[in-house]
N, C-alpha and C. Protein backbone atom coordinates (compact mmCIF):
# COMPACT_ATOMS: atom_id res chain seq x y z
N UNK A 1 -7.46 -10.45 2.72
CA UNK A 1 -6.01 -10.47 2.67
C UNK A 1 -5.48 -10.69 4.08
N UNK A 2 -4.24 -11.16 4.19
CA UNK A 2 -3.69 -11.57 5.47
C UNK A 2 -2.28 -11.01 5.66
N UNK A 3 -1.72 -11.35 6.81
CA UNK A 3 -0.35 -10.97 7.09
C UNK A 3 0.63 -11.57 6.10
N UNK A 4 0.33 -12.76 5.59
CA UNK A 4 1.23 -13.38 4.61
C UNK A 4 1.27 -12.57 3.31
N UNK A 5 0.16 -11.96 2.94
CA UNK A 5 0.16 -11.08 1.77
C UNK A 5 1.07 -9.88 2.01
N UNK A 6 1.00 -9.31 3.20
CA UNK A 6 1.88 -8.19 3.54
C UNK A 6 3.34 -8.61 3.49
N UNK A 7 3.63 -9.78 4.02
CA UNK A 7 5.02 -10.26 4.00
C UNK A 7 5.50 -10.46 2.56
N UNK A 8 4.66 -10.99 1.71
CA UNK A 8 5.03 -11.19 0.30
C UNK A 8 5.26 -9.85 -0.39
N UNK A 9 4.37 -8.88 -0.12
CA UNK A 9 4.54 -7.55 -0.71
C UNK A 9 5.82 -6.91 -0.19
N UNK A 10 6.06 -7.04 1.11
CA UNK A 10 7.27 -6.48 1.69
C UNK A 10 8.53 -7.06 1.08
N UNK A 11 8.54 -8.37 0.84
CA UNK A 11 9.71 -9.01 0.24
C UNK A 11 9.94 -8.51 -1.19
N UNK A 12 8.86 -8.36 -1.95
CA UNK A 12 8.99 -7.87 -3.33
C UNK A 12 9.52 -6.45 -3.35
N UNK A 13 9.06 -5.64 -2.42
CA UNK A 13 9.49 -4.23 -2.35
C UNK A 13 10.93 -4.14 -1.88
N UNK A 14 11.31 -4.94 -0.91
CA UNK A 14 12.70 -4.94 -0.44
C UNK A 14 13.64 -5.30 -1.60
N UNK A 15 13.24 -6.28 -2.41
CA UNK A 15 14.07 -6.67 -3.56
C UNK A 15 14.27 -5.49 -4.50
N UNK A 16 13.21 -4.77 -4.77
CA UNK A 16 13.33 -3.61 -5.65
C UNK A 16 14.27 -2.56 -5.05
N UNK A 17 14.03 -2.20 -3.80
CA UNK A 17 14.83 -1.14 -3.18
C UNK A 17 16.31 -1.49 -3.10
N UNK A 18 16.65 -2.77 -3.01
CA UNK A 18 18.07 -3.13 -2.98
C UNK A 18 18.74 -2.91 -4.33
N UNK A 19 17.95 -2.76 -5.39
CA UNK A 19 18.51 -2.48 -6.72
C UNK A 19 18.63 -0.99 -7.02
N UNK A 20 18.13 -0.16 -6.12
CA UNK A 20 18.23 1.29 -6.33
C UNK A 20 19.66 1.73 -5.96
N UNK A 21 20.38 2.31 -6.92
CA UNK A 21 21.79 2.63 -6.64
C UNK A 21 22.00 3.80 -5.68
N UNK A 22 21.02 4.68 -5.55
CA UNK A 22 21.21 5.88 -4.73
C UNK A 22 19.91 6.22 -4.01
N UNK A 23 19.92 6.09 -2.69
CA UNK A 23 18.74 6.39 -1.90
C UNK A 23 18.32 7.84 -1.97
N UNK A 24 19.25 8.72 -2.33
CA UNK A 24 18.94 10.14 -2.45
C UNK A 24 18.40 10.51 -3.83
N UNK A 25 18.26 9.52 -4.71
CA UNK A 25 17.75 9.79 -6.06
C UNK A 25 16.31 10.29 -5.98
N UNK A 26 15.99 11.23 -6.83
CA UNK A 26 14.68 11.85 -6.83
C UNK A 26 13.60 10.91 -7.34
N UNK A 27 12.43 10.99 -6.71
CA UNK A 27 11.23 10.29 -7.18
C UNK A 27 10.20 11.40 -7.44
N UNK A 28 10.28 12.03 -8.62
CA UNK A 28 9.42 13.18 -8.91
C UNK A 28 7.93 12.90 -8.79
N UNK A 29 7.52 11.67 -9.11
CA UNK A 29 6.11 11.32 -9.01
C UNK A 29 5.56 11.62 -7.62
N UNK A 30 6.39 11.42 -6.60
CA UNK A 30 5.95 11.59 -5.21
C UNK A 30 6.56 12.81 -4.53
N UNK A 31 7.39 13.56 -5.25
CA UNK A 31 7.96 14.80 -4.70
C UNK A 31 8.94 14.57 -3.57
N UNK A 32 9.65 13.45 -3.61
CA UNK A 32 10.64 13.16 -2.57
C UNK A 32 11.76 12.34 -3.20
N UNK A 33 12.59 11.74 -2.36
CA UNK A 33 13.63 10.86 -2.85
C UNK A 33 13.29 9.42 -2.48
N UNK A 34 14.14 8.48 -2.88
CA UNK A 34 13.87 7.06 -2.63
C UNK A 34 13.75 6.78 -1.14
N UNK A 35 14.65 7.35 -0.34
CA UNK A 35 14.57 7.16 1.11
C UNK A 35 13.25 7.71 1.64
N UNK A 36 12.83 8.84 1.11
CA UNK A 36 11.56 9.43 1.53
C UNK A 36 10.37 8.55 1.22
N UNK A 37 10.42 7.86 0.08
CA UNK A 37 9.33 6.94 -0.27
C UNK A 37 9.30 5.78 0.72
N UNK A 38 10.46 5.21 1.00
CA UNK A 38 10.52 4.09 1.96
C UNK A 38 10.05 4.55 3.34
N UNK A 39 10.41 5.75 3.74
CA UNK A 39 9.97 6.28 5.04
C UNK A 39 8.46 6.50 5.04
N UNK A 40 7.92 6.99 3.93
CA UNK A 40 6.47 7.19 3.83
C UNK A 40 5.72 5.87 3.99
N UNK A 41 6.17 4.84 3.27
CA UNK A 41 5.50 3.54 3.37
C UNK A 41 5.58 3.03 4.80
N UNK A 42 6.75 3.19 5.43
CA UNK A 42 6.93 2.76 6.82
C UNK A 42 5.91 3.46 7.72
N UNK A 43 5.73 4.75 7.53
CA UNK A 43 4.76 5.50 8.33
C UNK A 43 3.35 4.98 8.11
N UNK A 44 2.98 4.75 6.86
CA UNK A 44 1.63 4.26 6.57
C UNK A 44 1.37 2.92 7.25
N UNK A 45 2.32 2.00 7.14
CA UNK A 45 2.12 0.68 7.73
C UNK A 45 2.01 0.77 9.25
N UNK A 46 2.81 1.64 9.84
CA UNK A 46 2.75 1.83 11.29
C UNK A 46 1.41 2.43 11.70
N UNK A 47 0.94 3.43 10.95
CA UNK A 47 -0.37 4.02 11.24
C UNK A 47 -1.47 2.98 11.11
N UNK A 48 -1.41 2.15 10.08
CA UNK A 48 -2.46 1.16 9.88
C UNK A 48 -2.50 0.18 11.05
N UNK A 49 -1.34 -0.27 11.50
CA UNK A 49 -1.31 -1.18 12.66
C UNK A 49 -1.91 -0.50 13.88
N UNK A 50 -1.54 0.74 14.11
CA UNK A 50 -2.07 1.49 15.26
C UNK A 50 -3.57 1.70 15.13
N UNK A 51 -4.02 2.05 13.94
CA UNK A 51 -5.45 2.30 13.74
C UNK A 51 -6.28 1.04 13.97
N UNK A 52 -5.79 -0.10 13.52
CA UNK A 52 -6.55 -1.34 13.72
C UNK A 52 -6.63 -1.68 15.20
N UNK A 53 -5.52 -1.51 15.92
CA UNK A 53 -5.52 -1.81 17.35
C UNK A 53 -6.36 -0.79 18.13
N UNK A 54 -6.32 0.48 17.72
CA UNK A 54 -7.05 1.54 18.43
C UNK A 54 -8.56 1.41 18.26
N UNK A 55 -9.00 0.79 17.20
CA UNK A 55 -10.44 0.65 16.98
C UNK A 55 -11.00 1.77 16.13
N UNK A 56 -12.29 2.03 16.29
CA UNK A 56 -12.99 2.91 15.36
C UNK A 56 -12.77 4.39 15.63
N UNK A 57 -12.15 4.74 16.74
CA UNK A 57 -11.86 6.15 17.01
C UNK A 57 -10.62 6.58 16.25
N UNK A 58 -10.66 7.77 15.67
CA UNK A 58 -9.52 8.28 14.93
C UNK A 58 -8.31 8.41 15.87
N UNK A 59 -7.18 7.84 15.46
CA UNK A 59 -5.96 7.84 16.28
C UNK A 59 -4.91 8.71 15.60
N UNK A 60 -4.94 10.01 15.87
CA UNK A 60 -4.02 10.93 15.19
C UNK A 60 -3.11 11.66 16.16
N UNK A 61 -2.82 11.05 17.29
CA UNK A 61 -2.06 11.74 18.33
C UNK A 61 -0.55 11.64 18.15
N UNK A 62 -0.09 11.03 17.09
CA UNK A 62 1.34 10.92 16.89
C UNK A 62 1.69 11.14 15.42
N UNK A 63 2.95 11.41 15.18
CA UNK A 63 3.44 11.58 13.81
C UNK A 63 4.83 10.97 13.73
N UNK A 64 5.05 10.18 12.71
CA UNK A 64 6.36 9.60 12.48
C UNK A 64 7.16 10.56 11.60
N UNK A 65 8.39 10.78 11.94
CA UNK A 65 9.22 11.73 11.21
C UNK A 65 10.49 11.04 10.75
N UNK A 66 10.83 11.23 9.51
CA UNK A 66 12.07 10.68 8.94
C UNK A 66 13.26 11.43 9.52
N UNK A 67 14.25 10.70 9.97
CA UNK A 67 15.49 11.32 10.43
C UNK A 67 16.26 11.79 9.19
N UNK A 68 16.70 13.05 9.16
CA UNK A 68 17.30 13.60 7.94
C UNK A 68 18.57 12.88 7.50
N UNK A 69 19.28 12.25 8.42
CA UNK A 69 20.54 11.60 8.03
C UNK A 69 20.40 10.09 7.89
N UNK A 70 19.17 9.57 7.86
CA UNK A 70 18.97 8.13 7.75
C UNK A 70 19.39 7.64 6.37
N UNK A 71 20.05 6.51 6.36
CA UNK A 71 20.47 5.89 5.09
C UNK A 71 19.33 5.03 4.56
N UNK A 72 19.42 4.67 3.29
CA UNK A 72 18.40 3.80 2.70
C UNK A 72 18.39 2.46 3.44
N UNK A 73 19.53 1.93 3.76
CA UNK A 73 19.61 0.67 4.48
C UNK A 73 18.88 0.75 5.83
N UNK A 74 19.08 1.83 6.56
CA UNK A 74 18.42 2.00 7.85
C UNK A 74 16.91 2.10 7.69
N UNK A 75 16.47 2.85 6.70
CA UNK A 75 15.03 3.01 6.49
C UNK A 75 14.42 1.69 6.02
N UNK A 76 15.14 0.92 5.23
CA UNK A 76 14.61 -0.38 4.79
C UNK A 76 14.49 -1.36 5.96
N UNK A 77 15.38 -1.25 6.94
CA UNK A 77 15.23 -2.06 8.15
C UNK A 77 13.94 -1.70 8.87
N UNK A 78 13.66 -0.41 8.97
CA UNK A 78 12.42 0.03 9.60
C UNK A 78 11.20 -0.39 8.78
N UNK A 79 11.31 -0.33 7.46
CA UNK A 79 10.21 -0.76 6.59
C UNK A 79 9.94 -2.24 6.79
N UNK A 80 10.98 -3.05 6.87
CA UNK A 80 10.81 -4.48 7.10
C UNK A 80 10.10 -4.71 8.44
N UNK A 81 10.51 -3.97 9.45
CA UNK A 81 9.89 -4.12 10.78
C UNK A 81 8.43 -3.67 10.75
N UNK A 82 8.14 -2.55 10.11
CA UNK A 82 6.75 -2.04 10.06
C UNK A 82 5.85 -3.02 9.30
N UNK A 83 6.39 -3.63 8.26
CA UNK A 83 5.62 -4.62 7.51
C UNK A 83 5.25 -5.80 8.41
N UNK A 84 6.23 -6.27 9.18
CA UNK A 84 5.97 -7.40 10.06
C UNK A 84 5.02 -7.02 11.20
N UNK A 85 5.15 -5.82 11.73
CA UNK A 85 4.23 -5.38 12.79
C UNK A 85 2.80 -5.37 12.27
N UNK A 86 2.57 -4.78 11.11
CA UNK A 86 1.21 -4.76 10.57
C UNK A 86 0.74 -6.18 10.27
N UNK A 87 1.61 -7.02 9.74
CA UNK A 87 1.23 -8.40 9.45
C UNK A 87 0.78 -9.12 10.71
N UNK A 88 1.52 -8.94 11.80
CA UNK A 88 1.15 -9.61 13.05
C UNK A 88 -0.15 -9.06 13.63
N UNK A 89 -0.35 -7.75 13.54
CA UNK A 89 -1.59 -7.14 14.04
C UNK A 89 -2.77 -7.66 13.22
N UNK A 90 -2.62 -7.71 11.90
CA UNK A 90 -3.69 -8.22 11.02
C UNK A 90 -4.00 -9.66 11.38
N UNK A 91 -2.97 -10.49 11.54
CA UNK A 91 -3.19 -11.91 11.82
C UNK A 91 -3.83 -12.14 13.18
N UNK A 92 -3.56 -11.25 14.13
CA UNK A 92 -4.10 -11.42 15.49
C UNK A 92 -5.50 -10.83 15.65
N UNK A 93 -5.93 -10.01 14.71
CA UNK A 93 -7.23 -9.34 14.83
C UNK A 93 -8.38 -10.32 14.70
N UNK A 94 -9.42 -10.07 15.47
CA UNK A 94 -10.63 -10.88 15.37
C UNK A 94 -11.44 -10.50 14.14
N UNK A 95 -12.36 -11.36 13.73
CA UNK A 95 -13.12 -11.10 12.51
C UNK A 95 -14.01 -9.86 12.58
N UNK A 96 -14.36 -9.43 13.77
CA UNK A 96 -15.24 -8.26 13.89
C UNK A 96 -14.48 -6.98 14.24
N UNK A 97 -13.17 -7.07 14.41
CA UNK A 97 -12.40 -5.86 14.76
C UNK A 97 -12.34 -4.93 13.57
N UNK A 98 -12.50 -3.64 13.88
CA UNK A 98 -12.45 -2.60 12.85
C UNK A 98 -11.55 -1.49 13.34
N UNK A 99 -10.98 -0.75 12.39
CA UNK A 99 -10.15 0.39 12.74
C UNK A 99 -10.48 1.57 11.86
N UNK A 100 -10.14 2.74 12.33
CA UNK A 100 -10.47 3.97 11.62
C UNK A 100 -9.60 4.16 10.39
N UNK A 101 -10.23 4.59 9.32
CA UNK A 101 -9.55 5.13 8.14
C UNK A 101 -10.49 6.16 7.55
N UNK A 102 -9.93 7.21 6.99
CA UNK A 102 -10.76 8.27 6.41
C UNK A 102 -11.73 7.75 5.36
N UNK A 103 -11.40 6.65 4.70
CA UNK A 103 -12.23 6.14 3.62
C UNK A 103 -13.10 4.96 4.05
N UNK A 104 -13.21 4.72 5.35
CA UNK A 104 -14.09 3.67 5.84
C UNK A 104 -13.50 2.94 7.02
N UNK A 105 -14.36 2.34 7.82
CA UNK A 105 -13.89 1.57 8.98
C UNK A 105 -13.43 0.20 8.48
N UNK A 106 -12.12 0.06 8.41
CA UNK A 106 -11.53 -1.13 7.81
C UNK A 106 -11.48 -2.30 8.78
N UNK A 107 -11.62 -3.49 8.23
CA UNK A 107 -11.36 -4.70 8.99
C UNK A 107 -9.91 -5.11 8.74
N UNK A 108 -9.52 -6.24 9.32
CA UNK A 108 -8.11 -6.67 9.18
C UNK A 108 -7.72 -6.86 7.73
N UNK A 109 -8.60 -7.46 6.93
CA UNK A 109 -8.25 -7.67 5.52
C UNK A 109 -8.13 -6.34 4.78
N UNK A 110 -8.94 -5.36 5.18
CA UNK A 110 -8.82 -4.03 4.58
C UNK A 110 -7.50 -3.38 4.90
N UNK A 111 -7.05 -3.50 6.15
CA UNK A 111 -5.74 -2.95 6.50
C UNK A 111 -4.62 -3.70 5.80
N UNK A 112 -4.75 -5.01 5.66
CA UNK A 112 -3.75 -5.77 4.91
C UNK A 112 -3.71 -5.30 3.45
N UNK A 113 -4.89 -5.10 2.87
CA UNK A 113 -4.95 -4.61 1.50
C UNK A 113 -4.34 -3.24 1.35
N UNK A 114 -4.67 -2.34 2.29
CA UNK A 114 -4.09 -0.99 2.22
C UNK A 114 -2.58 -1.03 2.36
N UNK A 115 -2.09 -1.88 3.27
CA UNK A 115 -0.64 -2.01 3.43
C UNK A 115 0.01 -2.52 2.15
N UNK A 116 -0.61 -3.52 1.53
CA UNK A 116 -0.08 -4.04 0.27
C UNK A 116 -0.11 -2.97 -0.82
N UNK A 117 -1.19 -2.20 -0.86
CA UNK A 117 -1.28 -1.14 -1.86
C UNK A 117 -0.18 -0.11 -1.67
N UNK A 118 0.05 0.31 -0.43
CA UNK A 118 1.13 1.28 -0.18
C UNK A 118 2.47 0.72 -0.64
N UNK A 119 2.73 -0.52 -0.27
CA UNK A 119 4.00 -1.15 -0.64
C UNK A 119 4.14 -1.25 -2.16
N UNK A 120 3.17 -1.85 -2.80
CA UNK A 120 3.29 -2.14 -4.23
C UNK A 120 3.24 -0.88 -5.09
N UNK A 121 2.28 -0.02 -4.82
CA UNK A 121 2.12 1.15 -5.68
C UNK A 121 3.30 2.11 -5.57
N UNK A 122 3.77 2.34 -4.34
CA UNK A 122 4.90 3.26 -4.21
C UNK A 122 6.20 2.64 -4.70
N UNK A 123 6.33 1.32 -4.57
CA UNK A 123 7.49 0.66 -5.19
C UNK A 123 7.43 0.83 -6.70
N UNK A 124 6.23 0.71 -7.25
CA UNK A 124 6.07 0.94 -8.69
C UNK A 124 6.43 2.36 -9.09
N UNK A 125 6.07 3.33 -8.24
CA UNK A 125 6.46 4.72 -8.51
C UNK A 125 7.98 4.86 -8.55
N UNK A 126 8.66 4.24 -7.59
CA UNK A 126 10.13 4.29 -7.55
C UNK A 126 10.70 3.62 -8.79
N UNK A 127 10.19 2.44 -9.12
CA UNK A 127 10.71 1.72 -10.29
C UNK A 127 10.55 2.56 -11.56
N UNK A 128 9.38 3.16 -11.75
CA UNK A 128 9.16 3.98 -12.94
C UNK A 128 10.11 5.16 -12.98
N UNK A 129 10.22 5.87 -11.87
CA UNK A 129 11.06 7.08 -11.86
C UNK A 129 12.55 6.77 -11.94
N UNK A 130 12.95 5.56 -11.51
CA UNK A 130 14.36 5.18 -11.57
C UNK A 130 14.68 4.34 -12.80
N UNK A 131 13.69 4.08 -13.64
CA UNK A 131 13.92 3.30 -14.85
C UNK A 131 14.27 1.85 -14.58
N UNK A 132 13.70 1.28 -13.52
CA UNK A 132 13.96 -0.10 -13.15
C UNK A 132 12.80 -0.99 -13.56
N UNK A 133 13.11 -2.16 -14.08
CA UNK A 133 12.09 -3.12 -14.47
C UNK A 133 11.59 -3.81 -13.21
N UNK A 134 10.30 -3.65 -12.90
CA UNK A 134 9.75 -4.27 -11.70
C UNK A 134 8.24 -4.37 -11.81
N UNK A 135 7.72 -5.53 -11.48
CA UNK A 135 6.29 -5.72 -11.28
C UNK A 135 6.11 -6.65 -10.10
N UNK A 136 5.07 -6.47 -9.32
CA UNK A 136 4.84 -7.37 -8.18
C UNK A 136 4.32 -8.71 -8.66
N UNK A 137 4.33 -9.70 -7.78
CA UNK A 137 3.73 -10.99 -8.14
C UNK A 137 2.27 -10.80 -8.58
N UNK A 138 1.89 -11.37 -9.72
CA UNK A 138 0.53 -11.16 -10.23
C UNK A 138 -0.58 -11.52 -9.24
N UNK A 139 -0.41 -12.62 -8.50
CA UNK A 139 -1.46 -13.01 -7.56
C UNK A 139 -1.63 -11.97 -6.46
N UNK A 140 -0.54 -11.34 -6.05
CA UNK A 140 -0.61 -10.32 -5.01
C UNK A 140 -1.27 -9.04 -5.54
N UNK A 141 -0.92 -8.66 -6.77
CA UNK A 141 -1.59 -7.50 -7.39
C UNK A 141 -3.08 -7.77 -7.56
N UNK A 142 -3.42 -9.00 -7.96
CA UNK A 142 -4.82 -9.35 -8.15
C UNK A 142 -5.59 -9.32 -6.83
N UNK A 143 -4.99 -9.84 -5.77
CA UNK A 143 -5.66 -9.83 -4.47
C UNK A 143 -5.86 -8.41 -3.96
N UNK A 144 -4.87 -7.56 -4.14
CA UNK A 144 -4.97 -6.17 -3.69
C UNK A 144 -6.05 -5.43 -4.48
N UNK A 145 -6.06 -5.63 -5.79
CA UNK A 145 -7.09 -5.02 -6.64
C UNK A 145 -8.48 -5.48 -6.21
N UNK A 146 -8.63 -6.78 -6.01
CA UNK A 146 -9.96 -7.32 -5.67
C UNK A 146 -10.42 -6.84 -4.31
N UNK A 147 -9.51 -6.70 -3.36
CA UNK A 147 -9.91 -6.31 -2.00
C UNK A 147 -10.25 -4.83 -1.90
N UNK A 148 -9.45 -3.98 -2.53
CA UNK A 148 -9.62 -2.53 -2.37
C UNK A 148 -10.38 -1.87 -3.50
N UNK A 149 -10.33 -2.44 -4.69
CA UNK A 149 -10.93 -1.83 -5.88
C UNK A 149 -11.80 -2.86 -6.60
N UNK A 150 -12.87 -3.34 -5.96
CA UNK A 150 -13.66 -4.41 -6.58
C UNK A 150 -14.31 -4.01 -7.89
N UNK A 151 -14.38 -2.73 -8.18
CA UNK A 151 -14.96 -2.25 -9.43
C UNK A 151 -13.94 -2.25 -10.57
N UNK A 152 -12.67 -2.39 -10.25
CA UNK A 152 -11.63 -2.40 -11.29
C UNK A 152 -11.72 -3.71 -12.08
N UNK A 153 -11.36 -3.68 -13.35
CA UNK A 153 -11.53 -4.87 -14.19
C UNK A 153 -10.69 -6.05 -13.71
N UNK A 154 -11.33 -7.20 -13.67
CA UNK A 154 -10.64 -8.44 -13.30
C UNK A 154 -10.22 -9.22 -14.53
N UNK A 155 -10.56 -8.71 -15.72
CA UNK A 155 -10.27 -9.43 -16.96
C UNK A 155 -9.05 -8.88 -17.69
N UNK A 156 -8.17 -8.20 -16.95
CA UNK A 156 -6.95 -7.67 -17.54
C UNK A 156 -5.79 -7.97 -16.60
N UNK A 157 -4.59 -7.64 -17.00
CA UNK A 157 -3.43 -7.84 -16.15
C UNK A 157 -3.68 -7.18 -14.79
N UNK A 158 -3.52 -7.92 -13.68
CA UNK A 158 -3.89 -7.36 -12.38
C UNK A 158 -3.06 -6.16 -11.96
N UNK A 159 -1.79 -6.11 -12.31
CA UNK A 159 -0.96 -4.96 -11.96
C UNK A 159 -1.43 -3.74 -12.74
N UNK A 160 -1.73 -3.91 -14.02
CA UNK A 160 -2.23 -2.80 -14.83
C UNK A 160 -3.57 -2.31 -14.28
N UNK A 161 -4.43 -3.24 -13.87
CA UNK A 161 -5.73 -2.85 -13.31
C UNK A 161 -5.55 -2.06 -12.01
N UNK A 162 -4.59 -2.47 -11.18
CA UNK A 162 -4.33 -1.75 -9.93
C UNK A 162 -3.76 -0.37 -10.22
N UNK A 163 -2.87 -0.28 -11.18
CA UNK A 163 -2.33 1.03 -11.57
C UNK A 163 -3.43 1.92 -12.13
N UNK A 164 -4.32 1.36 -12.95
CA UNK A 164 -5.42 2.14 -13.51
C UNK A 164 -6.35 2.64 -12.40
N UNK A 165 -6.67 1.76 -11.44
CA UNK A 165 -7.61 2.13 -10.37
C UNK A 165 -7.09 3.28 -9.52
N UNK A 166 -5.78 3.48 -9.51
CA UNK A 166 -5.18 4.56 -8.73
C UNK A 166 -4.67 5.70 -9.61
N UNK A 167 -5.15 5.75 -10.85
CA UNK A 167 -4.82 6.86 -11.74
C UNK A 167 -3.40 6.87 -12.25
N UNK A 168 -2.71 5.74 -12.23
CA UNK A 168 -1.31 5.69 -12.63
C UNK A 168 -1.10 5.26 -14.08
N UNK A 169 -2.14 4.73 -14.72
CA UNK A 169 -2.03 4.34 -16.12
C UNK A 169 -3.42 4.34 -16.74
N UNK A 170 -3.45 4.25 -18.04
CA UNK A 170 -4.72 4.16 -18.77
C UNK A 170 -5.00 2.72 -19.15
N UNK A 171 -6.27 2.41 -19.33
CA UNK A 171 -6.70 1.11 -19.84
C UNK A 171 -7.53 1.35 -21.09
N UNK A 172 -7.22 0.66 -22.17
CA UNK A 172 -8.01 0.82 -23.39
C UNK A 172 -9.49 0.55 -23.13
N UNK A 173 -10.32 1.43 -23.63
CA UNK A 173 -11.76 1.27 -23.50
C UNK A 173 -12.33 1.71 -22.16
N UNK A 174 -11.48 2.24 -21.29
CA UNK A 174 -11.93 2.71 -19.98
C UNK A 174 -11.52 4.16 -19.79
N UNK A 175 -12.39 4.90 -19.14
CA UNK A 175 -12.07 6.31 -18.87
C UNK A 175 -10.89 6.39 -17.91
N UNK A 176 -10.02 7.38 -18.09
CA UNK A 176 -8.92 7.56 -17.15
C UNK A 176 -9.44 7.87 -15.75
N UNK A 177 -8.73 7.41 -14.76
CA UNK A 177 -9.08 7.69 -13.38
C UNK A 177 -8.31 8.93 -12.94
N UNK A 178 -9.05 9.98 -12.61
CA UNK A 178 -8.40 11.23 -12.21
C UNK A 178 -8.55 11.51 -10.73
N UNK A 179 -9.44 10.82 -10.08
CA UNK A 179 -9.63 10.93 -8.63
C UNK A 179 -10.04 9.55 -8.14
N UNK A 180 -9.41 9.09 -7.09
CA UNK A 180 -9.69 7.73 -6.67
C UNK A 180 -9.69 7.60 -5.16
N UNK A 181 -10.29 6.51 -4.71
CA UNK A 181 -10.23 6.08 -3.33
C UNK A 181 -10.51 4.59 -3.32
N UNK A 182 -10.07 3.93 -2.26
CA UNK A 182 -10.31 2.50 -2.19
C UNK A 182 -11.45 2.18 -1.24
N UNK A 183 -11.88 0.93 -1.27
CA UNK A 183 -12.91 0.45 -0.37
C UNK A 183 -12.22 -0.43 0.66
N UNK A 184 -12.03 0.10 1.88
CA UNK A 184 -11.30 -0.65 2.91
C UNK A 184 -12.22 -1.28 3.95
N UNK A 185 -13.47 -0.88 3.99
CA UNK A 185 -14.44 -1.56 4.87
C UNK A 185 -14.64 -2.98 4.34
N UNK A 186 -15.24 -3.86 5.12
CA UNK A 186 -15.46 -5.22 4.61
C UNK A 186 -16.17 -5.21 3.26
N UNK A 187 -15.79 -6.16 2.41
CA UNK A 187 -16.34 -6.19 1.06
C UNK A 187 -17.85 -6.38 1.03
N UNK A 188 -18.40 -7.04 2.04
CA UNK A 188 -19.85 -7.20 2.03
C UNK A 188 -20.60 -5.90 2.30
N UNK A 189 -19.85 -4.83 2.61
CA UNK A 189 -20.46 -3.51 2.78
C UNK A 189 -20.33 -2.65 1.53
N UNK A 190 -19.70 -3.16 0.48
CA UNK A 190 -19.56 -2.41 -0.76
C UNK A 190 -20.91 -2.36 -1.47
N UNK A 191 -21.29 -1.17 -1.91
CA UNK A 191 -22.61 -0.99 -2.52
C UNK A 191 -22.63 -1.25 -4.03
N UNK A 192 -21.53 -1.70 -4.58
CA UNK A 192 -21.49 -2.03 -5.99
C UNK A 192 -21.12 -0.89 -6.91
N UNK A 193 -20.83 0.28 -6.36
CA UNK A 193 -20.46 1.42 -7.18
C UNK A 193 -19.02 1.82 -6.91
N UNK A 194 -18.46 2.61 -7.82
CA UNK A 194 -17.12 3.12 -7.62
C UNK A 194 -17.23 4.39 -6.79
N UNK A 195 -16.52 4.47 -5.65
CA UNK A 195 -16.62 5.67 -4.79
C UNK A 195 -16.12 6.90 -5.54
N UNK A 196 -16.78 8.02 -5.28
CA UNK A 196 -16.37 9.28 -5.91
C UNK A 196 -15.30 9.95 -5.10
């Protein structure tokens, strides 16, 4: 995955958030409000960019904090910027560059995939909790599923497969996912099993 995938995911998420009538509306799935979800995604994307640049050493010396009086519009501006920052870092990274993540030493495509997952999945959480009709572009959902969850079924709707892989929905004929993690290290390092 690349910076262009992140930009596409960011655009789809921005479109959804502009349809949310109230940034203070509750998102019970995530235990926060809509602004809090946007701030969380912003933090994740910023951490991912920092982690890829920092390399394989854990980079936990900072914490991003949501300003309590920030409006949804202000947070969406920051989300747009964080998306572009991660996209540029991913695009500039060399093929052998790796960065720390608790679930594996990710390469640039892994960080792009994780960024897309944060954007798409949490936007889906907002859409569900706010009763808004929204699905990401199928090719983007498929690419995210293939990069981070190679064990998830490729023979079903890609958005549904991504939701299933993260325990957000059921798939007929498949056991429910109650605990999950993604594979963010290079795909050639995947051992062919689903991580526990």
